[in-house]
Amino acid sequence: MSNDIQFYQTRMGRQFYEVTVPELIRQIARLNDLLALAVEVSVTKPEDKTDDRARQD
């Protein structure tokens, strides 16, 4: 006796392909956008190494 039901035909399989995978793709794209923004900010505005309290005196 063989099981002819494929994963994509199950409730869990449909959930995986219709919800989980698209959400993973959205989150990876969001992470990529945020990383690109962080790189852009770090390139255009280099980190100031001086102590803020020293400048106030």
C-alpha atoms as a PDB file:
ATOM      1  CA  MET A   1       0.000   0.000   0.000  1.00  0.00           C
ATOM      2  CA  SER A   2       1.528   3.325  -1.033  1.00  0.00           C
ATOM      3  CA  ASN A   3       0.620   6.816   0.056  1.00  0.00           C
ATOM      4  CA  ASP A   4      -0.172   8.828  -3.063  1.00  0.00           C
ATOM      5  CA  ILE A   5      -0.857  12.096  -1.226  1.00  0.00           C
ATOM      6  CA  GLN A   6       1.866  14.641  -1.906  1.00  0.00           C
ATOM      7  CA  PHE A   7       2.930  17.247   0.669  1.00  0.00           C
ATOM      8  CA  TYR A   8       1.494  20.130  -1.348  1.00  0.00           C
ATOM      9  CA  GLN A   9      -1.889  18.385  -1.302  1.00  0.00           C
ATOM     10  CA  THR A  10      -2.107  18.376   2.492  1.00  0.00           C
ATOM     11  CA  ARG A  11      -3.422  21.202   4.657  1.00  0.00           C
ATOM     12  CA  MET A  12       0.075  21.707   6.079  1.00  0.00           C
ATOM     13  CA  GLY A  13       1.576  21.698   2.594  1.00  0.00           C
ATOM     14  CA  ARG A  14      -0.865  24.297   1.322  1.00  0.00           C
ATOM     15  CA  GLN A  15      -0.183  26.444   4.385  1.00  0.00           C
ATOM     16  CA  PHE A  16       3.546  26.150   3.740  1.00  0.00           C
ATOM     17  CA  TYR A  17       3.400  27.055   0.055  1.00  0.00           C
ATOM     18  CA  GLU A  18       0.629  29.662   0.231  1.00  0.00           C
ATOM     19  CA  VAL A  19       1.508  31.448   3.490  1.00  0.00           C
ATOM     20  CA  THR A  20       4.893  30.499   4.927  1.00  0.00           C
ATOM     21  CA  VAL A  21       7.022  30.714   1.779  1.00  0.00           C
ATOM     22  CA  PRO A  22       5.574  34.048   0.583  1.00  0.00           C
ATOM     23  CA  GLU A  23       6.033  35.509   4.091  1.00  0.00           C
ATOM     24  CA  LEU A  24       9.643  34.298   4.169  1.00  0.00           C
ATOM     25  CA  ILE A  25      10.239  35.984   0.822  1.00  0.00           C
ATOM     26  CA  ARG A  26       8.675  39.243   2.071  1.00  0.00           C
ATOM     27  CA  GLN A  27      10.788  39.192   5.212  1.00  0.00           C
ATOM     28  CA  ILE A  28      14.007  38.473   3.294  1.00  0.00           C
ATOM     29  CA  ALA A  29      13.223  41.382   0.962  1.00  0.00           C
ATOM     30  CA  ARG A  30      12.537  43.622   3.996  1.00  0.00           C
ATOM     31  CA  LEU A  31      15.778  42.537   5.628  1.00  0.00           C
ATOM     32  CA  ASN A  32      17.640  43.299   2.396  1.00  0.00           C
ATOM     33  CA  ASP A  33      16.065  46.779   2.213  1.00  0.00           C
ATOM     34  CA  LEU A  34      16.960  47.515   5.831  1.00  0.00           C
ATOM     35  CA  LEU A  35      20.506  46.297   5.332  1.00  0.00           C
ATOM     36  CA  ALA A  36      20.899  48.477   2.245  1.00  0.00           C
ATOM     37  CA  LEU A  37      19.582  51.452   4.224  1.00  0.00           C
ATOM     38  CA  ALA A  38      22.017  50.763   7.069  1.00  0.00           C
ATOM     39  CA  VAL A  39      24.923  50.603   4.628  1.00  0.00           C
ATOM     40  CA  GLU A  40      23.790  53.816   2.946  1.00  0.00           C
ATOM     41  CA  VAL A  41      23.526  55.623   6.284  1.00  0.00           C
ATOM     42  CA  SER A  42      26.930  54.387   7.432  1.00  0.00           C
ATOM     43  CA  VAL A  43      28.555  55.528   4.176  1.00  0.00           C
ATOM     44  CA  THR A  44      26.917  58.946   4.010  1.00  0.00           C
ATOM     45  CA  LYS A  45      27.172  59.719   7.739  1.00  0.00           C
ATOM     46  CA  PRO A  46      30.352  58.256   9.213  1.00  0.00           C
ATOM     47  CA  GLU A  47      30.245  57.547  12.918  1.00  0.00           C
ATOM     48  CA  ASP A  48      31.591  60.391  15.054  1.00  0.00           C
ATOM     49  CA  LYS A  49      34.321  59.013  17.316  1.00  0.00           C
ATOM     50  CA  THR A  50      34.422  62.018  19.688  1.00  0.00           C
ATOM     51  CA  ASP A  51      32.623  61.965  23.012  1.00  0.00           C
ATOM     52  CA  ASP A  52      29.529  64.228  23.097  1.00  0.00           C
ATOM     53  CA  ARG A  53      30.258  65.347  26.654  1.00  0.00           C
ATOM     54  CA  ALA A  54      33.726  66.577  25.667  1.00  0.00           C
ATOM     55  CA  ARG A  55      32.207  68.864  23.008  1.00  0.00           C
ATOM     56  CA  GLN A  56      29.736  70.412  25.460  1.00  0.00           C
ATOM     57  CA  ASP A  57      32.497  71.658  27.811  1.00  0.00           C
END
